[in-house]
Structure formats: structure tokens, C-alpha cells
Amino acid sequence: MKFANVTSAIQIPVIGIGTWGMGGDLTPKYNNDQKCIEALENAIKLGLTHIDTAEIYAQGHTEELVGQAIKSFDRKRLFITTKVAKENLSYDGIIKAMDDSLMRLDTPYVDLYLIHSSNPDFSIENSMRAMNHLVETNKTKFIGVSNFSVLQLKEAQKFSQNKIVANQIEYNLITRNVGQNTANMESDIIPFCQNNNILIIAYRPFARGDLFNTDFPILEQLSKKYGKTKAQIALNWLVSKQGVITIPKALNLEHLQEIATSADWQMNKEDLKKLDNFSR
């Protein structure tokens, strides 16, 4: 597995596992729990040791499933990310949200804690004060944000003693500059983050499946040329970019194996350029 630097001393797999939909969406569902746990265990065994979740996923049930899945593994070898909901961005709200997440995850710390999205109803200064407190009390190693514009990133960093190490945004071959929660990703956010050593964590790398249902001849051509699946081409394109990592989701073993081998090879620059220019 290829790695990216969080700091000079800490690395993260460029491909991890997203967990949205595991154990429910915005409400919990318990009928598929064992399958989700097994999928996460298989992902870790395949080297997908970065697991991304959030307190709003299935009202915390997704975090519970992650907690069960990681029990039999060496915690130090894992990189666990979770996120505080935008409704909980008061100082006390963030502290409580973290404690609740740690309880559900059954771990004394997370590796990365993100503000899931901005909320003008709360002071970003107080929010970042709470985020810094979580670093100081060893409840998280690193802090970051999600769905933040450049302006919001600058504002958050202004009030943080600790570096914001990541911005999680929607980004894929189809969703380039206008997403559901962000805009100007390719023209503004990504260049800013690259220039300031802030990791981009690209979610929805397959555009919720739209990538495979779109007339996309170049994807077909490159799939045949490299003997790789369309999913592998899409993921490889993402992680070929400086400071970009991604968190696809999969449940069955075949798809997990497909994902896990998406970064172990390289497309040539001309083909990457063709993908860069697609849809522009």
C-alpha cells in the first residue's frame, strides 16, 4: 500500500475505507451488522488500515461497528478518523461528542478528528479551542476539517495552535469543482491544501456509482490498456495527485481486494492528463 505523510513522522494509507451506510444511514439498522464488521476486518487485513467514520452515521451505530471490528487488531497499526457533527460545535459540545465517539469506538483515542462541516451558529474560535483541548488531552493525535472552503480553512487555522492536517471534501472524476457541500475544489481548495501541506481526503470517489453509469470512453480505454477495473483507474487517478488520499466503501471481499490494489501501480503522465481534462 502506498502512503502519504500526515507529518514527517506519521504516514497514512492513500486508500482507506469509508463507512457511510454501514449500520444504517442517518438512522441505525441492525440487520447487516455482522457483514459490516467482517468487511472492516477484511479491509484491515488487506492493508486498508485507515477507517473513516462519523458520529452522525447511523446515529453513532457505525462507530460501534468500527469499534467491534478493530478489537482484534493492534490499535497502533490503525488510523481511525471520526467527525463531530455541525450541531455540536460549541466548546462543550465538541468535548462531549468526542467522549461519546470514543466510547462507541471503544478506543482511548482517535488518530484524526474532523469538524464534519462548518456552522455559522457557532464561534469557530471556540470550536478550535475545543479541538486543541482534545489534542492536549491525547484524545486525538491530529485535527482537521471537512467540507471547508479556503476562507473557512484560513479562519479555523487562525484560531488553532495545532496544525489542521486534513480537509475532507467530495472529489472524483465527475465531481471536480462543484460538489454537494463544496465548490471550487479543483480550482481553489486542492491547490491551497497542496501548498500548505494539508491532506485532501476525497470522499465519494465513485460519485455514488455515477462514474460507472456515465458515458466515459477514456475510462473504458484506460481500463483495457492497464488491465485494471474502472474503479481502480478512478482511485489511481485520485491518489496520483500530490497530497490526495481517498476513502471508498466496499463490503464484499472481491471489491475490497480491488480497492486495496488500486495504488500499487502507476499510469503514465499522458493518461493522467487525459483524465484531468475529462469533462472540462
C-alpha atoms as a PDB file:
ATOM      1  CA  MET A   1       0.000   0.000   0.000  1.00  0.00           C
ATOM      2  CA  LYS A   2       1.205   3.492  -0.885  1.00  0.00           C
ATOM      3  CA  PHE A   3       1.332   6.032   1.961  1.00  0.00           C
ATOM      4  CA  ALA A   4       1.012   9.803   2.325  1.00  0.00           C
ATOM      5  CA  ASN A   5       2.576  11.927   5.038  1.00  0.00           C
ATOM      6  CA  VAL A   6       0.386  13.351   7.784  1.00  0.00           C
ATOM      7  CA  THR A   7       3.538  14.741   9.365  1.00  0.00           C
ATOM      8  CA  SER A   8       7.185  13.965   8.720  1.00  0.00           C
ATOM      9  CA  ALA A   9       6.896  11.154  11.272  1.00  0.00           C
ATOM     10  CA  ILE A  10       3.369   9.826  10.648  1.00  0.00           C
ATOM     11  CA  GLN A  11       2.013   8.279   7.456  1.00  0.00           C
ATOM     12  CA  ILE A  12      -1.469   7.254   6.337  1.00  0.00           C
ATOM     13  CA  PRO A  13      -2.513   4.783   3.607  1.00  0.00           C
ATOM     14  CA  VAL A  14      -3.555   6.697   0.496  1.00  0.00           C
ATOM     15  CA  ILE A  15      -6.609   4.430   0.238  1.00  0.00           C
ATOM     16  CA  GLY A  16      -8.725   3.814   3.312  1.00  0.00           C
ATOM     17  CA  ILE A  17     -12.270   2.673   3.958  1.00  0.00           C
ATOM     18  CA  GLY A  18     -15.328   4.894   4.246  1.00  0.00           C
ATOM     19  CA  THR A  19     -18.188   3.677   6.424  1.00  0.00           C
ATOM     20  CA  TRP A  20     -21.211   5.775   5.417  1.00  0.00           C
ATOM     21  CA  GLY A  21     -24.144   3.374   5.114  1.00  0.00           C
ATOM     22  CA  MET A  22     -22.664   0.713   7.359  1.00  0.00           C
ATOM     23  CA  GLY A  23     -25.187   0.046  10.114  1.00  0.00           C
ATOM     24  CA  GLY A  24     -27.700   2.452   8.567  1.00  0.00           C
ATOM     25  CA  ASP A  25     -27.582   5.909   7.062  1.00  0.00           C
ATOM     26  CA  LEU A  26     -28.931   8.661   9.319  1.00  0.00           C
ATOM     27  CA  THR A  27     -30.784   6.103  11.456  1.00  0.00           C
ATOM     28  CA  PRO A  28     -29.431   2.784  12.734  1.00  0.00           C
ATOM     29  CA  LYS A  29     -30.247  -0.548  11.100  1.00  0.00           C
ATOM     30  CA  TYR A  30     -29.010  -3.730  12.686  1.00  0.00           C
ATOM     31  CA  ASN A  31     -29.764  -6.414  10.097  1.00  0.00           C
ATOM     32  CA  ASN A  32     -26.374  -6.206   8.360  1.00  0.00           C
ATOM     33  CA  ASP A  33     -24.063  -5.684  11.330  1.00  0.00           C
ATOM     34  CA  GLN A  34     -22.013  -8.860  11.035  1.00  0.00           C
ATOM     35  CA  LYS A  35     -21.404  -8.330   7.333  1.00  0.00           C
ATOM     36  CA  CYS A  36     -20.169  -4.786   8.018  1.00  0.00           C
ATOM     37  CA  ILE A  37     -17.862  -5.940  10.816  1.00  0.00           C
ATOM     38  CA  GLU A  38     -16.407  -8.691   8.628  1.00  0.00           C
ATOM     39  CA  ALA A  39     -15.906  -6.223   5.773  1.00  0.00           C
ATOM     40  CA  LEU A  40     -13.941  -3.881   8.038  1.00  0.00           C
ATOM     41  CA  GLU A  41     -11.869  -6.759   9.386  1.00  0.00           C
ATOM     42  CA  ASN A  42     -11.091  -7.909   5.835  1.00  0.00           C
ATOM     43  CA  ALA A  43     -10.201  -4.350   4.831  1.00  0.00           C
ATOM     44  CA  ILE A  44      -7.669  -4.092   7.643  1.00  0.00           C
ATOM     45  CA  LYS A  45      -6.138  -7.453   6.722  1.00  0.00           C
ATOM     46  CA  LEU A  46      -5.712  -6.179   3.154  1.00  0.00           C
ATOM     47  CA  GLY A  47      -3.815  -3.101   4.381  1.00  0.00           C
ATOM     48  CA  LEU A  48      -6.715  -0.643   4.323  1.00  0.00           C
ATOM     49  CA  THR A  49      -5.885   0.445   7.847  1.00  0.00           C
ATOM     50  CA  HIS A  50      -7.354   3.943   7.620  1.00  0.00           C
ATOM     51  CA  ILE A  51     -11.019   3.761   8.651  1.00  0.00           C
ATOM     52  CA  ASP A  52     -13.179   6.861   8.347  1.00  0.00           C
ATOM     53  CA  THR A  53     -16.447   7.277  10.231  1.00  0.00           C
ATOM     54  CA  ALA A  54     -18.560   9.959  11.944  1.00  0.00           C
ATOM     55  CA  GLU A  55     -20.892  10.400  14.883  1.00  0.00           C
ATOM     56  CA  ILE A  56     -23.865  11.130  12.612  1.00  0.00           C
ATOM     57  CA  TYR A  57     -23.514   7.879  10.683  1.00  0.00           C
ATOM     58  CA  ALA A  58     -26.468   5.751  11.804  1.00  0.00           C
ATOM     59  CA  GLN A  59     -26.689   7.908  14.946  1.00  0.00           C
ATOM     60  CA  GLY A  60     -23.390   6.512  16.216  1.00  0.00           C
ATOM     61  CA  HIS A  61     -24.081   2.875  15.379  1.00  0.00           C
ATOM     62  CA  THR A  62     -21.462   2.927  12.605  1.00  0.00           C
ATOM     63  CA  GLU A  63     -18.830   3.904  15.171  1.00  0.00           C
ATOM     64  CA  GLU A  64     -19.971   0.955  17.294  1.00  0.00           C
ATOM     65  CA  LEU A  65     -19.403  -1.389  14.356  1.00  0.00           C
ATOM     66  CA  VAL A  66     -15.943   0.073  13.754  1.00  0.00           C
ATOM     67  CA  GLY A  67     -15.189  -0.432  17.448  1.00  0.00           C
ATOM     68  CA  GLN A  68     -16.130  -4.094  17.227  1.00  0.00           C
ATOM     69  CA  ALA A  69     -14.153  -4.609  14.011  1.00  0.00           C
ATOM     70  CA  ILE A  70     -10.870  -3.187  15.322  1.00  0.00           C
ATOM     71  CA  LYS A  71     -10.828  -5.141  18.603  1.00  0.00           C
ATOM     72  CA  SER A  72      -8.658  -7.989  17.349  1.00  0.00           C
ATOM     73  CA  PHE A  73      -6.031  -5.750  15.739  1.00  0.00           C
ATOM     74  CA  ASP A  74      -3.049  -3.846  17.094  1.00  0.00           C
ATOM     75  CA  ARG A  75      -4.511  -0.372  17.640  1.00  0.00           C
ATOM     76  CA  LYS A  76      -1.160   1.266  16.904  1.00  0.00           C
ATOM     77  CA  ARG A  77      -1.262  -0.075  13.336  1.00  0.00           C
ATOM     78  CA  LEU A  78      -4.633   1.523  12.623  1.00  0.00           C
ATOM     79  CA  PHE A  79      -5.535   5.080  11.662  1.00  0.00           C
ATOM     80  CA  ILE A  80      -9.053   5.906  12.849  1.00  0.00           C
ATOM     81  CA  THR A  81     -10.820   9.094  11.759  1.00  0.00           C
ATOM     82  CA  THR A  82     -14.161  10.298  13.053  1.00  0.00           C
ATOM     83  CA  LYS A  83     -16.084  13.553  12.817  1.00  0.00           C
ATOM     84  CA  VAL A  84     -18.064  15.863  15.086  1.00  0.00           C
ATOM     85  CA  ALA A  85     -21.485  16.907  13.752  1.00  0.00           C
ATOM     86  CA  LYS A  86     -22.096  20.538  12.847  1.00  0.00           C
ATOM     87  CA  GLU A  87     -24.811  20.719  15.540  1.00  0.00           C
ATOM     88  CA  ASN A  88     -22.219  20.034  18.253  1.00  0.00           C
ATOM     89  CA  LEU A  89     -19.646  22.739  17.556  1.00  0.00           C
ATOM     90  CA  SER A  90     -19.844  24.570  20.873  1.00  0.00           C
ATOM     91  CA  TYR A  91     -16.821  24.090  23.150  1.00  0.00           C
ATOM     92  CA  ASP A  92     -18.675  21.716  25.471  1.00  0.00           C
ATOM     93  CA  GLY A  93     -20.475  20.080  22.553  1.00  0.00           C
ATOM     94  CA  ILE A  94     -17.223  19.055  20.897  1.00  0.00           C
ATOM     95  CA  ILE A  95     -15.769  17.660  24.136  1.00  0.00           C
ATOM     96  CA  LYS A  96     -18.907  15.594  24.766  1.00  0.00           C
ATOM     97  CA  ALA A  97     -19.125  14.446  21.149  1.00  0.00           C
ATOM     98  CA  MET A  98     -15.556  13.174  21.313  1.00  0.00           C
ATOM     99  CA  ASP A  99     -16.153  11.318  24.590  1.00  0.00           C
ATOM    100  CA  ASP A 100     -19.255   9.693  23.132  1.00  0.00           C
ATOM    101  CA  SER A 101     -17.405   8.685  19.964  1.00  0.00           C
ATOM    102  CA  LEU A 102     -14.521   7.188  21.943  1.00  0.00           C
ATOM    103  CA  MET A 103     -16.972   5.183  23.997  1.00  0.00           C
ATOM    104  CA  ARG A 104     -18.689   3.802  20.883  1.00  0.00           C
ATOM    105  CA  LEU A 105     -15.376   3.124  19.149  1.00  0.00           C
ATOM    106  CA  ASP A 106     -14.070   1.518  22.347  1.00  0.00           C
ATOM    107  CA  THR A 107     -10.691   3.182  21.961  1.00  0.00           C
ATOM    108  CA  PRO A 108      -8.869   5.708  24.180  1.00  0.00           C
ATOM    109  CA  TYR A 109      -8.056   7.977  21.231  1.00  0.00           C
ATOM    110  CA  VAL A 110      -8.650   8.593  17.541  1.00  0.00           C
ATOM    111  CA  ASP A 111      -5.891   9.448  15.117  1.00  0.00           C
ATOM    112  CA  LEU A 112      -7.764  12.243  13.358  1.00  0.00           C
ATOM    113  CA  TYR A 113     -10.794  14.237  14.495  1.00  0.00           C
ATOM    114  CA  LEU A 114     -12.626  16.372  11.956  1.00  0.00           C
ATOM    115  CA  ILE A 115     -15.250  19.085  12.095  1.00  0.00           C
ATOM    116  CA  HIS A 116     -17.796  17.498   9.753  1.00  0.00           C
ATOM    117  CA  SER A 117     -18.896  20.816   8.274  1.00  0.00           C
ATOM    118  CA  SER A 118     -18.908  24.456   9.277  1.00  0.00           C
ATOM    119  CA  ASN A 119     -21.800  26.072  11.144  1.00  0.00           C
ATOM    120  CA  PRO A 120     -22.144  29.859  11.371  1.00  0.00           C
ATOM    121  CA  ASP A 121     -24.273  29.457  14.513  1.00  0.00           C
ATOM    122  CA  PHE A 122     -21.112  28.574  16.465  1.00  0.00           C
ATOM    123  CA  SER A 123     -17.921  30.530  17.033  1.00  0.00           C
ATOM    124  CA  ILE A 124     -15.077  28.916  15.103  1.00  0.00           C
ATOM    125  CA  GLU A 125     -12.724  30.310  17.744  1.00  0.00           C
ATOM    126  CA  ASN A 126     -14.464  28.299  20.480  1.00  0.00           C
ATOM    127  CA  SER A 127     -14.695  25.254  18.247  1.00  0.00           C
ATOM    128  CA  MET A 128     -10.961  25.290  17.566  1.00  0.00           C
ATOM    129  CA  ARG A 129     -10.230  25.880  21.255  1.00  0.00           C
ATOM    130  CA  ALA A 130     -12.092  22.643  21.966  1.00  0.00           C
ATOM    131  CA  MET A 131     -10.328  20.813  19.148  1.00  0.00           C
ATOM    132  CA  ASN A 132      -6.975  21.903  20.546  1.00  0.00           C
ATOM    133  CA  HIS A 133      -8.008  20.721  24.011  1.00  0.00           C
ATOM    134  CA  LEU A 134      -8.649  17.266  22.554  1.00  0.00           C
ATOM    135  CA  VAL A 135      -5.087  17.164  21.219  1.00  0.00           C
ATOM    136  CA  GLU A 136      -3.687  18.362  24.547  1.00  0.00           C
ATOM    137  CA  THR A 137      -5.605  15.656  26.434  1.00  0.00           C
ATOM    138  CA  ASN A 138      -4.474  12.939  23.980  1.00  0.00           C
ATOM    139  CA  LYS A 139      -7.981  12.114  22.780  1.00  0.00           C
ATOM    140  CA  THR A 140      -6.884  12.741  19.211  1.00  0.00           C
ATOM    141  CA  LYS A 141      -3.468  12.869  17.613  1.00  0.00           C
ATOM    142  CA  PHE A 142      -4.473  15.260  14.837  1.00  0.00           C
ATOM    143  CA  ILE A 143      -7.302  17.616  13.953  1.00  0.00           C
ATOM    144  CA  GLY A 144      -8.841  18.596  10.654  1.00  0.00           C
ATOM    145  CA  VAL A 145     -11.990  19.743   8.909  1.00  0.00           C
ATOM    146  CA  SER A 146     -14.434  18.548   6.284  1.00  0.00           C
ATOM    147  CA  ASN A 147     -16.273  20.436   3.544  1.00  0.00           C
ATOM    148  CA  PHE A 148     -14.361  23.656   4.305  1.00  0.00           C
ATOM    149  CA  SER A 149     -13.652  26.378   1.767  1.00  0.00           C
ATOM    150  CA  VAL A 150     -10.255  28.076   1.681  1.00  0.00           C
ATOM    151  CA  LEU A 151     -11.640  31.048   3.617  1.00  0.00           C
ATOM    152  CA  GLN A 152     -13.057  28.740   6.300  1.00  0.00           C
ATOM    153  CA  LEU A 153      -9.776  26.819   6.458  1.00  0.00           C
ATOM    154  CA  LYS A 154      -7.790  30.012   6.989  1.00  0.00           C
ATOM    155  CA  GLU A 155     -10.197  31.159   9.694  1.00  0.00           C
ATOM    156  CA  ALA A 156     -10.028  27.828  11.529  1.00  0.00           C
ATOM    157  CA  GLN A 157      -6.234  27.686  11.367  1.00  0.00           C
ATOM    158  CA  LYS A 158      -6.012  31.239  12.702  1.00  0.00           C
ATOM    159  CA  PHE A 159      -7.590  30.066  15.957  1.00  0.00           C
ATOM    160  CA  SER A 160      -5.734  26.764  16.223  1.00  0.00           C
ATOM    161  CA  GLN A 161      -2.453  26.150  17.988  1.00  0.00           C
ATOM    162  CA  ASN A 162      -2.248  22.765  16.264  1.00  0.00           C
ATOM    163  CA  LYS A 163      -1.981  22.380  12.509  1.00  0.00           C
ATOM    164  CA  ILE A 164      -5.105  21.447  10.582  1.00  0.00           C
ATOM    165  CA  VAL A 165      -3.734  18.394   8.778  1.00  0.00           C
ATOM    166  CA  ALA A 166      -6.677  17.463   6.528  1.00  0.00           C
ATOM    167  CA  ASN A 167      -9.737  18.733   4.689  1.00  0.00           C
ATOM    168  CA  GLN A 168     -12.198  16.026   3.646  1.00  0.00           C
ATOM    169  CA  ILE A 169     -14.111  17.004   0.503  1.00  0.00           C
ATOM    170  CA  GLU A 170     -16.193  15.437  -2.244  1.00  0.00           C
ATOM    171  CA  TYR A 171     -13.911  14.886  -5.216  1.00  0.00           C
ATOM    172  CA  ASN A 172     -13.811  12.387  -8.059  1.00  0.00           C
ATOM    173  CA  LEU A 173     -13.505  12.166 -11.841  1.00  0.00           C
ATOM    174  CA  ILE A 174     -17.018  13.556 -12.285  1.00  0.00           C
ATOM    175  CA  THR A 175     -17.312  15.901  -9.302  1.00  0.00           C
ATOM    176  CA  ARG A 176     -14.468  18.311  -9.917  1.00  0.00           C
ATOM    177  CA  ASN A 177     -15.372  21.875  -8.997  1.00  0.00           C
ATOM    178  CA  VAL A 178     -18.968  21.770  -7.777  1.00  0.00           C
ATOM    179  CA  GLY A 179     -19.999  19.260  -5.134  1.00  0.00           C
ATOM    180  CA  GLN A 180     -22.960  18.849  -2.837  1.00  0.00           C
ATOM    181  CA  ASN A 181     -21.188  20.549   0.080  1.00  0.00           C
ATOM    182  CA  THR A 182     -18.281  22.418  -1.511  1.00  0.00           C
ATOM    183  CA  ALA A 183     -17.351  24.387  -4.607  1.00  0.00           C
ATOM    184  CA  ASN A 184     -14.057  25.324  -6.279  1.00  0.00           C
ATOM    185  CA  MET A 185     -12.412  22.111  -5.144  1.00  0.00           C
ATOM    186  CA  GLU A 186     -10.084  21.745  -8.099  1.00  0.00           C
ATOM    187  CA  SER A 187      -9.522  25.438  -8.786  1.00  0.00           C
ATOM    188  CA  ASP A 188      -9.133  26.656  -5.212  1.00  0.00           C
ATOM    189  CA  ILE A 189      -9.322  24.216  -2.297  1.00  0.00           C
ATOM    190  CA  ILE A 190      -6.971  21.496  -3.537  1.00  0.00           C
ATOM    191  CA  PRO A 191      -4.176  23.864  -4.671  1.00  0.00           C
ATOM    192  CA  PHE A 192      -4.374  25.734  -1.359  1.00  0.00           C
ATOM    193  CA  CYS A 193      -4.140  22.499   0.616  1.00  0.00           C
ATOM    194  CA  GLN A 194      -1.267  21.204  -1.519  1.00  0.00           C
ATOM    195  CA  ASN A 195       0.638  24.443  -0.975  1.00  0.00           C
ATOM    196  CA  ASN A 196       0.054  24.278   2.785  1.00  0.00           C
ATOM    197  CA  ASN A 197       0.684  20.568   3.423  1.00  0.00           C
ATOM    198  CA  ILE A 198      -2.964  19.845   4.233  1.00  0.00           C
ATOM    199  CA  LEU A 199      -4.128  16.406   3.129  1.00  0.00           C
ATOM    200  CA  ILE A 200      -7.170  16.193   0.884  1.00  0.00           C
ATOM    201  CA  ILE A 201      -9.348  13.226   1.854  1.00  0.00           C
ATOM    202  CA  ALA A 202     -11.564  12.620  -1.183  1.00  0.00           C
ATOM    203  CA  TYR A 203     -14.933  11.093  -0.357  1.00  0.00           C
ATOM    204  CA  ARG A 204     -17.428   9.630  -2.873  1.00  0.00           C
ATOM    205  CA  PRO A 205     -14.552   8.607  -5.188  1.00  0.00           C
ATOM    206  CA  PHE A 206     -17.033   6.759  -7.430  1.00  0.00           C
ATOM    207  CA  ALA A 207     -19.620   9.587  -7.412  1.00  0.00           C
ATOM    208  CA  ARG A 208     -22.165   7.281  -5.742  1.00  0.00           C
ATOM    209  CA  GLY A 209     -21.825   4.880  -8.657  1.00  0.00           C
ATOM    210  CA  ASP A 210     -22.497   7.524 -11.313  1.00  0.00           C
ATOM    211  CA  LEU A 211     -18.923   7.114 -12.524  1.00  0.00           C
ATOM    212  CA  PHE A 212     -19.763   3.685 -13.887  1.00  0.00           C
ATOM    213  CA  ASN A 213     -23.094   4.725 -15.416  1.00  0.00           C
ATOM    214  CA  THR A 214     -21.719   7.708 -17.349  1.00  0.00           C
ATOM    215  CA  ASP A 215     -20.552   7.699 -20.960  1.00  0.00           C
ATOM    216  CA  PHE A 216     -16.852   7.795 -20.205  1.00  0.00           C
ATOM    217  CA  PRO A 217     -14.850   6.350 -23.156  1.00  0.00           C
ATOM    218  CA  ILE A 218     -11.430   7.276 -21.740  1.00  0.00           C
ATOM    219  CA  LEU A 219     -12.163   5.266 -18.595  1.00  0.00           C
ATOM    220  CA  GLU A 220     -13.010   2.246 -20.758  1.00  0.00           C
ATOM    221  CA  GLN A 221      -9.860   2.705 -22.830  1.00  0.00           C
ATOM    222  CA  LEU A 222      -7.543   3.001 -19.843  1.00  0.00           C
ATOM    223  CA  SER A 223      -9.198   0.069 -18.119  1.00  0.00           C
ATOM    224  CA  LYS A 224      -8.346  -2.112 -21.107  1.00  0.00           C
ATOM    225  CA  LYS A 225      -4.876  -0.596 -21.555  1.00  0.00           C
ATOM    226  CA  TYR A 226      -3.749  -1.249 -17.979  1.00  0.00           C
ATOM    227  CA  GLY A 227      -5.795  -4.393 -17.350  1.00  0.00           C
ATOM    228  CA  LYS A 228      -7.472  -2.713 -14.400  1.00  0.00           C
ATOM    229  CA  THR A 229     -11.100  -2.139 -13.452  1.00  0.00           C
ATOM    230  CA  LYS A 230     -12.773   1.237 -13.865  1.00  0.00           C
ATOM    231  CA  ALA A 231     -12.797   1.581 -10.074  1.00  0.00           C
ATOM    232  CA  GLN A 232      -9.049   1.004  -9.924  1.00  0.00           C
ATOM    233  CA  ILE A 233      -8.434   3.599 -12.646  1.00  0.00           C
ATOM    234  CA  ALA A 234     -10.593   6.136 -10.776  1.00  0.00           C
ATOM    235  CA  LEU A 235      -8.838   5.548  -7.447  1.00  0.00           C
ATOM    236  CA  ASN A 236      -5.376   5.513  -9.003  1.00  0.00           C
ATOM    237  CA  TRP A 237      -6.068   8.876 -10.662  1.00  0.00           C
ATOM    238  CA  LEU A 238      -7.052  10.373  -7.307  1.00  0.00           C
ATOM    239  CA  VAL A 239      -4.035   9.167  -5.337  1.00  0.00           C
ATOM    240  CA  SER A 240      -1.634  10.082  -8.138  1.00  0.00           C
ATOM    241  CA  LYS A 241      -2.218  13.683  -7.098  1.00  0.00           C
ATOM    242  CA  GLN A 242       0.015  15.349  -4.526  1.00  0.00           C
ATOM    243  CA  GLY A 243      -1.473  15.145  -1.043  1.00  0.00           C
ATOM    244  CA  VAL A 244      -4.719  13.430  -2.088  1.00  0.00           C
ATOM    245  CA  ILE A 245      -5.971  10.279  -0.374  1.00  0.00           C
ATOM    246  CA  THR A 246      -9.388   8.648  -0.626  1.00  0.00           C
ATOM    247  CA  ILE A 247     -11.936   6.573   1.302  1.00  0.00           C
ATOM    248  CA  PRO A 248     -14.074   4.320  -0.915  1.00  0.00           C
ATOM    249  CA  LYS A 249     -16.578   1.955   0.673  1.00  0.00           C
ATOM    250  CA  ALA A 250     -16.961  -1.752  -0.053  1.00  0.00           C
ATOM    251  CA  LEU A 251     -18.497  -4.708   1.737  1.00  0.00           C
ATOM    252  CA  ASN A 252     -17.628  -7.829  -0.220  1.00  0.00           C
ATOM    253  CA  LEU A 253     -14.131  -9.294  -0.302  1.00  0.00           C
ATOM    254  CA  GLU A 254     -13.720  -9.057  -4.072  1.00  0.00           C
ATOM    255  CA  HIS A 255     -14.381  -5.313  -4.077  1.00  0.00           C
ATOM    256  CA  LEU A 256     -12.108  -4.810  -1.076  1.00  0.00           C
ATOM    257  CA  GLN A 257      -9.294  -6.615  -2.894  1.00  0.00           C
ATOM    258  CA  GLU A 258      -9.950  -4.465  -5.960  1.00  0.00           C
ATOM    259  CA  ILE A 259      -9.701  -1.306  -3.868  1.00  0.00           C
ATOM    260  CA  ALA A 260      -6.630  -2.454  -1.924  1.00  0.00           C
ATOM    261  CA  THR A 261      -4.607  -2.965  -5.132  1.00  0.00           C
ATOM    262  CA  SER A 262      -5.550   0.340  -6.752  1.00  0.00           C
ATOM    263  CA  ALA A 263      -2.457   2.255  -5.649  1.00  0.00           C
ATOM    264  CA  ASP A 264       0.242  -0.360  -6.271  1.00  0.00           C
ATOM    265  CA  TRP A 265       0.877   0.683  -9.886  1.00  0.00           C
ATOM    266  CA  GLN A 266       1.102   3.881 -11.907  1.00  0.00           C
ATOM    267  CA  MET A 267      -0.469   5.343 -15.010  1.00  0.00           C
ATOM    268  CA  ASN A 268       1.761   7.357 -17.323  1.00  0.00           C
ATOM    269  CA  LYS A 269       1.576  11.133 -17.287  1.00  0.00           C
ATOM    270  CA  GLU A 270      -0.178  11.370 -20.648  1.00  0.00           C
ATOM    271  CA  ASP A 271      -3.027   9.152 -19.464  1.00  0.00           C
ATOM    272  CA  LEU A 272      -3.344  11.030 -16.188  1.00  0.00           C
ATOM    273  CA  LYS A 273      -3.554  14.240 -18.217  1.00  0.00           C
ATOM    274  CA  LYS A 274      -6.391  12.776 -20.312  1.00  0.00           C
ATOM    275  CA  LEU A 275      -8.315  12.055 -17.123  1.00  0.00           C
ATOM    276  CA  ASP A 276      -7.523  15.519 -15.783  1.00  0.00           C
ATOM    277  CA  ASN A 277      -9.024  17.060 -18.910  1.00  0.00           C
ATOM    278  CA  PHE A 278     -12.132  14.903 -18.950  1.00  0.00           C
ATOM    279  CA  SER A 279     -15.351  16.974 -18.777  1.00  0.00           C
ATOM    280  CA  ARG A 280     -13.560  20.303 -18.664  1.00  0.00           C
END
